[in-house]
Amino acid sequence: TEVGILAKSYIDQGRLIPDDIMTQLMLNELKSLDRYNWLLDGFPRTVAQAEALDKECHVDTVIDLDVPFETIKCRLTARWIHPASGRVYNLEFSPPKVQGIDDITGEPLVQRDDDKPETVSKRLQAYDAQTKPVLEYYREKGLLKSFSGTETNKIWPHIYAFLQTKLPDVSQKNAATPR
């Protein structure tokens, strides 16, 4: 969409999407989900977005994944993709058999602009400056639950147990492992 293209231009520059554009994108999607439970990832990122969300939707809980920025930076900058297929490789966790080459086609891998070290650093600095007040906003409302760590397999069981207290009818089969 036109709004999606505009949003991508900000991401490609390592900038966060402005509140009005991001809020418009998200609230349009959430209106169709009013009968369901849903989990948002990465929204809201500013107090203005949080306030707009609260006006339109009931927020039950907010989960904060407290992961050191250095860990995030290392993971993102180690990510490479095969553009034609969308296959993703991570040099630390799931590297290609031959560095820089797609395992299946033998074609070169590329690093997305938003995964380059300088862009990741800019994004993390902007995220930190804008998100700390959001965490405080939800902490003051008594909705914030934080989970600290660096490894998914160590953090996930705690998050899952917490979510079970919020959504006890979620089946073990469908939610036992992250996707």
N, C-alpha and C. Protein backbone atom coordinates (compact mmCIF):
# COMPACT_ATOMS: atom_id res chain seq x y z
N THR A 1 0.84 -1.19 0.00
CA THR A 1 0.00 0.00 0.00
C THR A 1 0.88 1.24 0.00
N GLU A 2 0.27 2.36 -0.26
CA GLU A 2 0.99 3.63 -0.25
C GLU A 2 1.59 3.90 1.14
N VAL A 3 0.79 3.63 2.17
CA VAL A 3 1.28 3.84 3.54
C VAL A 3 2.41 2.86 3.85
N GLY A 4 2.32 1.63 3.36
CA GLY A 4 3.38 0.64 3.56
C GLY A 4 4.69 1.05 2.90
N ILE A 5 4.61 1.60 1.71
CA ILE A 5 5.81 2.07 0.99
C ILE A 5 6.44 3.23 1.76
N LEU A 6 5.60 4.12 2.27
CA LEU A 6 6.11 5.24 3.06
C LEU A 6 6.81 4.72 4.33
N ALA A 7 6.19 3.75 4.99
CA ALA A 7 6.78 3.15 6.20
C ALA A 7 8.13 2.52 5.87
N LYS A 8 8.22 1.81 4.75
CA LYS A 8 9.47 1.15 4.37
C LYS A 8 10.58 2.16 4.14
N SER A 9 10.25 3.33 3.62
CA SER A 9 11.29 4.33 3.38
C SER A 9 11.95 4.77 4.69
N TYR A 10 11.19 4.84 5.76
CA TYR A 10 11.77 5.17 7.06
C TYR A 10 12.65 4.03 7.57
N ILE A 11 12.17 2.80 7.45
CA ILE A 11 12.92 1.63 7.92
C ILE A 11 14.25 1.53 7.18
N ASP A 12 14.23 1.73 5.87
CA ASP A 12 15.45 1.63 5.07
C ASP A 12 16.51 2.66 5.47
N GLN A 13 16.07 3.77 6.06
CA GLN A 13 16.99 4.81 6.51
C GLN A 13 17.43 4.59 7.96
N GLY A 14 16.94 3.50 8.57
CA GLY A 14 17.28 3.23 9.96
C GLY A 14 16.50 4.08 10.93
N ARG A 15 15.39 4.64 10.48
CA ARG A 15 14.56 5.50 11.32
C ARG A 15 13.29 4.75 11.70
N LEU A 16 12.71 5.15 12.82
CA LEU A 16 11.42 4.58 13.20
C LEU A 16 10.32 5.26 12.41
N ILE A 17 9.26 4.53 12.16
CA ILE A 17 8.12 5.05 11.42
C ILE A 17 7.40 6.08 12.31
N PRO A 18 7.04 7.26 11.77
CA PRO A 18 6.34 8.27 12.58
C PRO A 18 5.04 7.73 13.19
N ASP A 19 4.72 8.28 14.36
CA ASP A 19 3.56 7.81 15.12
C ASP A 19 2.28 7.75 14.30
N ASP A 20 1.97 8.81 13.56
CA ASP A 20 0.70 8.84 12.85
C ASP A 20 0.60 7.73 11.80
N ILE A 21 1.68 7.46 11.10
CA ILE A 21 1.68 6.42 10.07
C ILE A 21 1.58 5.04 10.73
N MET A 22 2.40 4.80 11.76
CA MET A 22 2.40 3.51 12.43
C MET A 22 1.04 3.23 13.09
N THR A 23 0.50 4.24 13.75
CA THR A 23 -0.79 4.07 14.43
C THR A 23 -1.89 3.77 13.41
N GLN A 24 -1.89 4.47 12.30
CA GLN A 24 -2.88 4.21 11.25
C GLN A 24 -2.78 2.77 10.75
N LEU A 25 -1.57 2.32 10.47
CA LEU A 25 -1.37 0.94 10.00
C LEU A 25 -1.91 -0.08 11.02
N MET A 26 -1.54 0.09 12.27
CA MET A 26 -1.90 -0.88 13.30
C MET A 26 -3.38 -0.87 13.64
N LEU A 27 -3.95 0.30 13.85
CA LEU A 27 -5.36 0.36 14.24
C LEU A 27 -6.28 -0.16 13.13
N ASN A 28 -5.90 0.07 11.88
CA ASN A 28 -6.69 -0.49 10.77
C ASN A 28 -6.72 -2.01 10.85
N GLU A 29 -5.58 -2.62 11.16
CA GLU A 29 -5.53 -4.09 11.28
C GLU A 29 -6.28 -4.58 12.51
N LEU A 30 -6.12 -3.90 13.62
CA LEU A 30 -6.72 -4.36 14.87
C LEU A 30 -8.25 -4.29 14.85
N LYS A 31 -8.82 -3.39 14.08
CA LYS A 31 -10.28 -3.29 14.00
C LYS A 31 -10.90 -4.60 13.53
N SER A 32 -10.20 -5.34 12.70
CA SER A 32 -10.75 -6.61 12.19
C SER A 32 -10.55 -7.76 13.18
N LEU A 33 -9.84 -7.51 14.27
CA LEU A 33 -9.53 -8.57 15.25
C LEU A 33 -10.27 -8.37 16.57
N ASP A 34 -11.31 -7.55 16.59
CA ASP A 34 -11.95 -7.20 17.85
C ASP A 34 -12.58 -8.37 18.59
N ARG A 35 -12.82 -9.50 17.93
CA ARG A 35 -13.41 -10.68 18.59
C ARG A 35 -12.35 -11.64 19.10
N TYR A 36 -11.09 -11.35 18.88
CA TYR A 36 -10.02 -12.30 19.19
C TYR A 36 -9.05 -11.74 20.23
N ASN A 37 -8.29 -12.66 20.85
CA ASN A 37 -7.12 -12.26 21.62
C ASN A 37 -6.00 -12.05 20.61
N TRP A 38 -5.15 -11.08 20.87
CA TRP A 38 -4.04 -10.85 19.97
C TRP A 38 -2.83 -10.38 20.76
N LEU A 39 -1.68 -10.57 20.14
CA LEU A 39 -0.39 -10.19 20.71
C LEU A 39 0.31 -9.30 19.70
N LEU A 40 0.72 -8.12 20.15
CA LEU A 40 1.44 -7.20 19.27
C LEU A 40 2.92 -7.30 19.55
N ASP A 41 3.72 -7.21 18.53
CA ASP A 41 5.17 -7.24 18.67
C ASP A 41 5.74 -5.97 18.05
N GLY A 42 6.31 -5.10 18.88
CA GLY A 42 6.92 -3.89 18.37
C GLY A 42 5.99 -2.70 18.26
N PHE A 43 4.80 -2.81 18.77
CA PHE A 43 3.84 -1.70 18.78
C PHE A 43 3.05 -1.80 20.07
N PRO A 44 2.88 -0.71 20.77
CA PRO A 44 3.34 0.66 20.51
C PRO A 44 4.79 0.87 20.94
N ARG A 45 5.43 1.81 20.27
CA ARG A 45 6.83 2.12 20.60
C ARG A 45 6.99 3.52 21.16
N THR A 46 5.93 4.31 21.14
CA THR A 46 5.97 5.65 21.73
C THR A 46 4.74 5.82 22.61
N VAL A 47 4.81 6.79 23.52
CA VAL A 47 3.66 7.06 24.39
C VAL A 47 2.45 7.49 23.55
N ALA A 48 2.68 8.28 22.51
CA ALA A 48 1.56 8.71 21.64
C ALA A 48 0.87 7.50 21.01
N GLN A 49 1.66 6.51 20.56
CA GLN A 49 1.07 5.29 20.00
C GLN A 49 0.31 4.52 21.07
N ALA A 50 0.88 4.44 22.28
CA ALA A 50 0.22 3.72 23.38
C ALA A 50 -1.10 4.39 23.74
N GLU A 51 -1.12 5.69 23.79
CA GLU A 51 -2.35 6.42 24.12
C GLU A 51 -3.40 6.21 23.03
N ALA A 52 -2.98 6.24 21.76
CA ALA A 52 -3.93 6.01 20.66
C ALA A 52 -4.48 4.59 20.71
N LEU A 53 -3.63 3.63 21.02
CA LEU A 53 -4.07 2.23 21.15
C LEU A 53 -5.07 2.09 22.29
N ASP A 54 -4.77 2.70 23.43
CA ASP A 54 -5.67 2.62 24.59
C ASP A 54 -7.04 3.22 24.32
N LYS A 55 -7.11 4.23 23.46
CA LYS A 55 -8.39 4.84 23.12
C LYS A 55 -9.27 3.90 22.29
N GLU A 56 -8.63 3.03 21.50
CA GLU A 56 -9.36 2.16 20.58
C GLU A 56 -9.51 0.72 21.06
N CYS A 57 -8.61 0.25 21.92
CA CYS A 57 -8.58 -1.16 22.29
C CYS A 57 -8.31 -1.32 23.79
N HIS A 58 -8.77 -2.44 24.34
CA HIS A 58 -8.47 -2.77 25.73
C HIS A 58 -7.17 -3.57 25.76
N VAL A 59 -6.18 -3.07 26.48
CA VAL A 59 -4.90 -3.74 26.62
C VAL A 59 -4.88 -4.44 27.97
N ASP A 60 -4.68 -5.76 27.96
CA ASP A 60 -4.66 -6.54 29.20
C ASP A 60 -3.30 -6.59 29.85
N THR A 61 -2.27 -6.75 29.05
CA THR A 61 -0.92 -6.90 29.59
C THR A 61 0.10 -6.49 28.53
N VAL A 62 1.27 -6.09 29.01
CA VAL A 62 2.37 -5.70 28.13
C VAL A 62 3.60 -6.48 28.57
N ILE A 63 4.23 -7.15 27.62
CA ILE A 63 5.42 -7.94 27.90
C ILE A 63 6.63 -7.20 27.35
N ASP A 64 7.63 -7.06 28.20
CA ASP A 64 8.89 -6.43 27.82
C ASP A 64 9.96 -7.50 27.79
N LEU A 65 10.58 -7.70 26.63
CA LEU A 65 11.72 -8.61 26.53
C LEU A 65 12.98 -7.77 26.71
N ASP A 66 13.59 -7.91 27.85
CA ASP A 66 14.76 -7.13 28.21
C ASP A 66 16.01 -7.90 27.75
N VAL A 67 16.44 -7.61 26.52
CA VAL A 67 17.60 -8.27 25.92
C VAL A 67 18.65 -7.19 25.66
N PRO A 68 19.89 -7.42 26.09
CA PRO A 68 20.92 -6.40 25.86
C PRO A 68 21.03 -6.03 24.39
N PHE A 69 21.21 -4.73 24.14
CA PHE A 69 21.32 -4.26 22.76
C PHE A 69 22.46 -4.92 22.01
N GLU A 70 23.55 -5.21 22.69
CA GLU A 70 24.69 -5.85 22.01
C GLU A 70 24.29 -7.21 21.46
N THR A 71 23.46 -7.95 22.21
CA THR A 71 22.97 -9.26 21.75
C THR A 71 22.10 -9.08 20.51
N ILE A 72 21.20 -8.11 20.56
CA ILE A 72 20.31 -7.84 19.42
C ILE A 72 21.14 -7.44 18.20
N LYS A 73 22.09 -6.55 18.40
CA LYS A 73 22.93 -6.07 17.29
C LYS A 73 23.69 -7.23 16.65
N CYS A 74 24.26 -8.09 17.48
CA CYS A 74 25.01 -9.24 16.94
C CYS A 74 24.11 -10.15 16.10
N ARG A 75 22.90 -10.40 16.59
CA ARG A 75 21.99 -11.29 15.85
C ARG A 75 21.55 -10.68 14.54
N LEU A 76 21.18 -9.40 14.58
CA LEU A 76 20.68 -8.77 13.35
C LEU A 76 21.78 -8.60 12.31
N THR A 77 22.96 -8.21 12.73
CA THR A 77 24.03 -7.99 11.75
C THR A 77 24.59 -9.30 11.22
N ALA A 78 24.26 -10.41 11.85
CA ALA A 78 24.70 -11.72 11.36
C ALA A 78 23.67 -12.34 10.41
N ARG A 79 22.57 -11.61 10.14
CA ARG A 79 21.49 -12.15 9.29
C ARG A 79 21.75 -11.79 7.82
N TRP A 80 21.67 -12.81 6.96
CA TRP A 80 21.84 -12.66 5.52
C TRP A 80 20.70 -13.41 4.83
N ILE A 81 20.28 -12.93 3.67
CA ILE A 81 19.14 -13.56 2.99
C ILE A 81 19.46 -13.89 1.54
N HIS A 82 18.69 -14.84 1.03
CA HIS A 82 18.69 -15.14 -0.40
C HIS A 82 17.48 -14.38 -0.95
N PRO A 83 17.71 -13.30 -1.71
CA PRO A 83 16.60 -12.42 -2.11
C PRO A 83 15.49 -13.11 -2.90
N ALA A 84 15.83 -13.99 -3.78
CA ALA A 84 14.81 -14.61 -4.65
C ALA A 84 13.84 -15.49 -3.86
N SER A 85 14.34 -16.20 -2.87
CA SER A 85 13.47 -17.13 -2.13
C SER A 85 13.04 -16.61 -0.77
N GLY A 86 13.79 -15.65 -0.23
CA GLY A 86 13.51 -15.17 1.11
C GLY A 86 14.15 -16.03 2.20
N ARG A 87 14.95 -17.06 1.82
CA ARG A 87 15.62 -17.88 2.82
C ARG A 87 16.53 -17.00 3.67
N VAL A 88 16.49 -17.24 4.98
CA VAL A 88 17.28 -16.44 5.91
C VAL A 88 18.35 -17.32 6.54
N TYR A 89 19.55 -16.79 6.59
CA TYR A 89 20.67 -17.45 7.26
C TYR A 89 21.15 -16.52 8.37
N ASN A 90 21.67 -17.10 9.43
CA ASN A 90 22.31 -16.32 10.48
C ASN A 90 23.70 -16.93 10.66
N LEU A 91 24.71 -16.10 10.54
CA LEU A 91 26.08 -16.59 10.58
C LEU A 91 26.42 -17.29 11.89
N GLU A 92 25.69 -16.98 12.97
CA GLU A 92 25.95 -17.61 14.26
C GLU A 92 25.11 -18.87 14.49
N PHE A 93 23.83 -18.83 14.08
CA PHE A 93 22.90 -19.91 14.44
C PHE A 93 22.58 -20.88 13.32
N SER A 94 22.49 -20.37 12.11
CA SER A 94 22.17 -21.25 10.98
C SER A 94 22.89 -20.75 9.73
N PRO A 95 24.22 -20.89 9.73
CA PRO A 95 25.00 -20.36 8.61
C PRO A 95 24.82 -21.19 7.34
N PRO A 96 25.09 -20.56 6.19
CA PRO A 96 25.08 -21.34 4.95
C PRO A 96 26.28 -22.29 4.96
N LYS A 97 26.18 -23.33 4.13
CA LYS A 97 27.29 -24.30 4.05
C LYS A 97 28.56 -23.63 3.55
N VAL A 98 28.40 -22.70 2.60
CA VAL A 98 29.52 -21.93 2.08
C VAL A 98 29.21 -20.46 2.37
N GLN A 99 30.13 -19.78 3.04
CA GLN A 99 29.88 -18.40 3.44
C GLN A 99 29.49 -17.52 2.26
N GLY A 100 28.36 -16.81 2.41
CA GLY A 100 27.91 -15.86 1.39
C GLY A 100 27.16 -16.47 0.24
N ILE A 101 26.89 -17.80 0.28
CA ILE A 101 26.25 -18.50 -0.84
C ILE A 101 25.02 -19.25 -0.33
N ASP A 102 23.92 -19.14 -1.08
CA ASP A 102 22.69 -19.87 -0.74
C ASP A 102 22.93 -21.37 -0.90
N ASP A 103 22.49 -22.15 0.11
CA ASP A 103 22.69 -23.60 0.10
C ASP A 103 22.04 -24.29 -1.09
N ILE A 104 20.91 -23.81 -1.54
CA ILE A 104 20.14 -24.51 -2.57
C ILE A 104 20.51 -24.08 -3.98
N THR A 105 20.59 -22.75 -4.21
CA THR A 105 20.81 -22.28 -5.59
C THR A 105 22.27 -21.96 -5.90
N GLY A 106 23.10 -21.76 -4.86
CA GLY A 106 24.48 -21.35 -5.09
C GLY A 106 24.61 -19.86 -5.42
N GLU A 107 23.51 -19.14 -5.33
CA GLU A 107 23.52 -17.70 -5.62
C GLU A 107 24.01 -16.92 -4.39
N PRO A 108 24.49 -15.69 -4.62
CA PRO A 108 25.00 -14.89 -3.50
C PRO A 108 23.89 -14.49 -2.52
N LEU A 109 24.27 -14.42 -1.25
CA LEU A 109 23.39 -13.91 -0.20
C LEU A 109 23.63 -12.42 -0.06
N VAL A 110 22.63 -11.69 0.44
CA VAL A 110 22.78 -10.26 0.66
C VAL A 110 22.34 -9.92 2.08
N GLN A 111 22.86 -8.81 2.56
CA GLN A 111 22.42 -8.31 3.85
C GLN A 111 21.46 -7.16 3.60
N ARG A 112 20.28 -7.25 4.22
CA ARG A 112 19.30 -6.17 4.07
C ARG A 112 19.88 -4.88 4.62
N ASP A 113 19.47 -3.75 4.04
CA ASP A 113 19.98 -2.46 4.51
C ASP A 113 19.71 -2.26 6.00
N ASP A 114 18.54 -2.71 6.47
CA ASP A 114 18.21 -2.48 7.88
C ASP A 114 18.91 -3.46 8.82
N ASP A 115 19.71 -4.40 8.28
CA ASP A 115 20.52 -5.30 9.11
C ASP A 115 22.00 -4.91 9.13
N LYS A 116 22.36 -3.86 8.43
CA LYS A 116 23.76 -3.42 8.42
C LYS A 116 24.09 -2.76 9.76
N PRO A 117 25.32 -2.95 10.26
CA PRO A 117 25.67 -2.50 11.61
C PRO A 117 25.31 -1.04 11.91
N GLU A 118 25.61 -0.13 11.00
CA GLU A 118 25.33 1.28 11.27
C GLU A 118 23.82 1.55 11.37
N THR A 119 23.04 0.88 10.55
CA THR A 119 21.58 1.05 10.58
C THR A 119 21.00 0.43 11.85
N VAL A 120 21.48 -0.75 12.22
CA VAL A 120 21.01 -1.40 13.44
C VAL A 120 21.31 -0.52 14.65
N SER A 121 22.50 0.05 14.71
CA SER A 121 22.85 0.92 15.84
C SER A 121 21.91 2.12 15.93
N LYS A 122 21.63 2.75 14.79
CA LYS A 122 20.70 3.89 14.76
C LYS A 122 19.31 3.47 15.24
N ARG A 123 18.84 2.32 14.75
CA ARG A 123 17.51 1.84 15.14
C ARG A 123 17.44 1.55 16.63
N LEU A 124 18.48 0.94 17.18
CA LEU A 124 18.47 0.62 18.61
C LEU A 124 18.51 1.87 19.47
N GLN A 125 19.27 2.88 19.05
CA GLN A 125 19.32 4.14 19.81
C GLN A 125 17.95 4.83 19.78
N ALA A 126 17.33 4.86 18.62
CA ALA A 126 16.00 5.48 18.51
C ALA A 126 14.98 4.69 19.32
N TYR A 127 15.06 3.37 19.24
CA TYR A 127 14.15 2.51 20.00
C TYR A 127 14.27 2.78 21.49
N ASP A 128 15.50 2.83 21.99
CA ASP A 128 15.73 3.05 23.41
C ASP A 128 15.15 4.39 23.86
N ALA A 129 15.42 5.44 23.11
CA ALA A 129 14.94 6.77 23.49
C ALA A 129 13.42 6.86 23.50
N GLN A 130 12.77 6.21 22.55
CA GLN A 130 11.32 6.32 22.45
C GLN A 130 10.57 5.28 23.28
N THR A 131 11.18 4.14 23.54
CA THR A 131 10.45 3.05 24.18
C THR A 131 10.49 3.10 25.70
N LYS A 132 11.55 3.60 26.30
CA LYS A 132 11.61 3.68 27.76
C LYS A 132 10.37 4.36 28.35
N PRO A 133 9.93 5.49 27.79
CA PRO A 133 8.71 6.13 28.33
C PRO A 133 7.45 5.25 28.16
N VAL A 134 7.41 4.43 27.12
CA VAL A 134 6.26 3.53 26.92
C VAL A 134 6.24 2.47 28.01
N LEU A 135 7.41 1.92 28.32
CA LEU A 135 7.48 0.93 29.39
C LEU A 135 7.02 1.54 30.71
N GLU A 136 7.44 2.77 30.97
CA GLU A 136 7.02 3.45 32.20
C GLU A 136 5.51 3.72 32.19
N TYR A 137 4.98 4.09 31.04
CA TYR A 137 3.53 4.34 30.88
C TYR A 137 2.74 3.08 31.28
N TYR A 138 3.15 1.93 30.78
CA TYR A 138 2.44 0.69 31.10
C TYR A 138 2.78 0.18 32.51
N ARG A 139 3.98 0.47 33.00
CA ARG A 139 4.34 0.09 34.37
C ARG A 139 3.41 0.83 35.35
N GLU A 140 3.20 2.13 35.11
CA GLU A 140 2.32 2.93 35.96
C GLU A 140 0.88 2.42 35.92
N LYS A 141 0.45 1.84 34.81
CA LYS A 141 -0.90 1.27 34.69
C LYS A 141 -0.99 -0.13 35.30
N GLY A 142 0.16 -0.68 35.72
CA GLY A 142 0.19 -2.02 36.30
C GLY A 142 0.06 -3.13 35.27
N LEU A 143 0.40 -2.85 34.02
CA LEU A 143 0.23 -3.82 32.94
C LEU A 143 1.54 -4.44 32.46
N LEU A 144 2.69 -3.94 32.92
CA LEU A 144 3.99 -4.36 32.38
C LEU A 144 4.55 -5.57 33.13
N LYS A 145 4.99 -6.55 32.36
CA LYS A 145 5.70 -7.72 32.89
C LYS A 145 6.98 -7.85 32.07
N SER A 146 8.15 -7.80 32.75
CA SER A 146 9.44 -7.87 32.05
C SER A 146 10.07 -9.24 32.20
N PHE A 147 10.74 -9.68 31.13
CA PHE A 147 11.49 -10.93 31.10
C PHE A 147 12.87 -10.60 30.57
N SER A 148 13.91 -10.96 31.33
CA SER A 148 15.29 -10.65 30.94
C SER A 148 16.02 -11.90 30.48
N GLY A 149 16.92 -11.73 29.53
CA GLY A 149 17.74 -12.84 29.09
C GLY A 149 18.31 -12.58 27.72
N THR A 150 19.04 -13.59 27.23
CA THR A 150 19.67 -13.46 25.91
C THR A 150 19.34 -14.64 24.99
N GLU A 151 18.67 -15.67 25.53
CA GLU A 151 18.39 -16.85 24.74
C GLU A 151 16.91 -17.19 24.76
N THR A 152 16.32 -17.36 23.59
CA THR A 152 14.90 -17.66 23.47
C THR A 152 14.50 -18.87 24.28
N ASN A 153 15.29 -19.95 24.20
CA ASN A 153 14.90 -21.19 24.88
C ASN A 153 14.92 -21.06 26.40
N LYS A 154 15.58 -20.02 26.92
CA LYS A 154 15.58 -19.79 28.36
C LYS A 154 14.49 -18.80 28.79
N ILE A 155 14.17 -17.84 27.94
CA ILE A 155 13.14 -16.85 28.26
C ILE A 155 11.74 -17.40 27.99
N TRP A 156 11.58 -18.13 26.88
CA TRP A 156 10.26 -18.57 26.44
C TRP A 156 9.46 -19.34 27.49
N PRO A 157 10.02 -20.29 28.22
CA PRO A 157 9.19 -21.01 29.20
C PRO A 157 8.55 -20.08 30.24
N HIS A 158 9.26 -19.03 30.62
CA HIS A 158 8.71 -18.07 31.59
C HIS A 158 7.59 -17.24 30.97
N ILE A 159 7.79 -16.84 29.72
CA ILE A 159 6.75 -16.08 29.02
C ILE A 159 5.52 -16.95 28.82
N TYR A 160 5.73 -18.18 28.40
CA TYR A 160 4.62 -19.10 28.16
C TYR A 160 3.82 -19.33 29.44
N ALA A 161 4.51 -19.56 30.56
CA ALA A 161 3.81 -19.77 31.83
C ALA A 161 3.00 -18.53 32.21
N PHE A 162 3.57 -17.37 31.97
CA PHE A 162 2.84 -16.12 32.25
C PHE A 162 1.62 -15.99 31.35
N LEU A 163 1.79 -16.27 30.05
CA LEU A 163 0.66 -16.17 29.13
C LEU A 163 -0.45 -17.16 29.48
N GLN A 164 -0.08 -18.32 30.01
CA GLN A 164 -1.09 -19.30 30.43
C GLN A 164 -1.98 -18.73 31.53
N THR A 165 -1.45 -17.82 32.36
CA THR A 165 -2.27 -17.20 33.40
C THR A 165 -3.22 -16.18 32.80
N LYS A 166 -2.87 -15.64 31.64
CA LYS A 166 -3.70 -14.65 30.96
C LYS A 166 -4.68 -15.30 29.99
N LEU A 167 -4.25 -16.41 29.36
CA LEU A 167 -5.05 -17.11 28.35
C LEU A 167 -5.03 -18.60 28.64
N PRO A 168 -5.66 -19.03 29.73
CA PRO A 168 -5.56 -20.44 30.12
C PRO A 168 -6.14 -21.42 29.11
N ASP A 169 -6.97 -20.95 28.20
CA ASP A 169 -7.59 -21.85 27.23
C ASP A 169 -6.71 -22.10 26.00
N VAL A 170 -5.54 -21.45 25.93
CA VAL A 170 -4.63 -21.69 24.80
C VAL A 170 -4.10 -23.11 24.92
N SER A 171 -4.24 -23.87 23.87
CA SER A 171 -3.84 -25.28 23.94
C SER A 171 -2.33 -25.44 23.99
N GLN A 172 -1.87 -26.45 24.70
CA GLN A 172 -0.46 -26.76 24.78
C GLN A 172 0.12 -27.00 23.38
N LYS A 173 -0.63 -27.69 22.56
CA LYS A 173 -0.14 -28.05 21.23
C LYS A 173 0.16 -26.81 20.39
N ASN A 174 -0.69 -25.80 20.47
CA ASN A 174 -0.53 -24.64 19.61
C ASN A 174 0.44 -23.61 20.13
N ALA A 175 0.74 -23.61 21.43
CA ALA A 175 1.56 -22.52 21.95
C ALA A 175 2.78 -22.98 22.73
N ALA A 176 3.11 -24.24 22.71
CA ALA A 176 4.19 -24.74 23.54
C ALA A 176 5.57 -24.33 23.05
N THR A 177 5.71 -24.01 21.78
CA THR A 177 7.02 -23.63 21.28
C THR A 177 6.89 -22.35 20.44
N PRO A 178 7.90 -21.49 20.50
CA PRO A 178 7.85 -20.27 19.68
C PRO A 178 7.97 -20.63 18.21
N ARG A 179 7.40 -19.81 17.38
CA ARG A 179 7.43 -20.03 15.93
C ARG A 179 8.25 -18.96 15.26
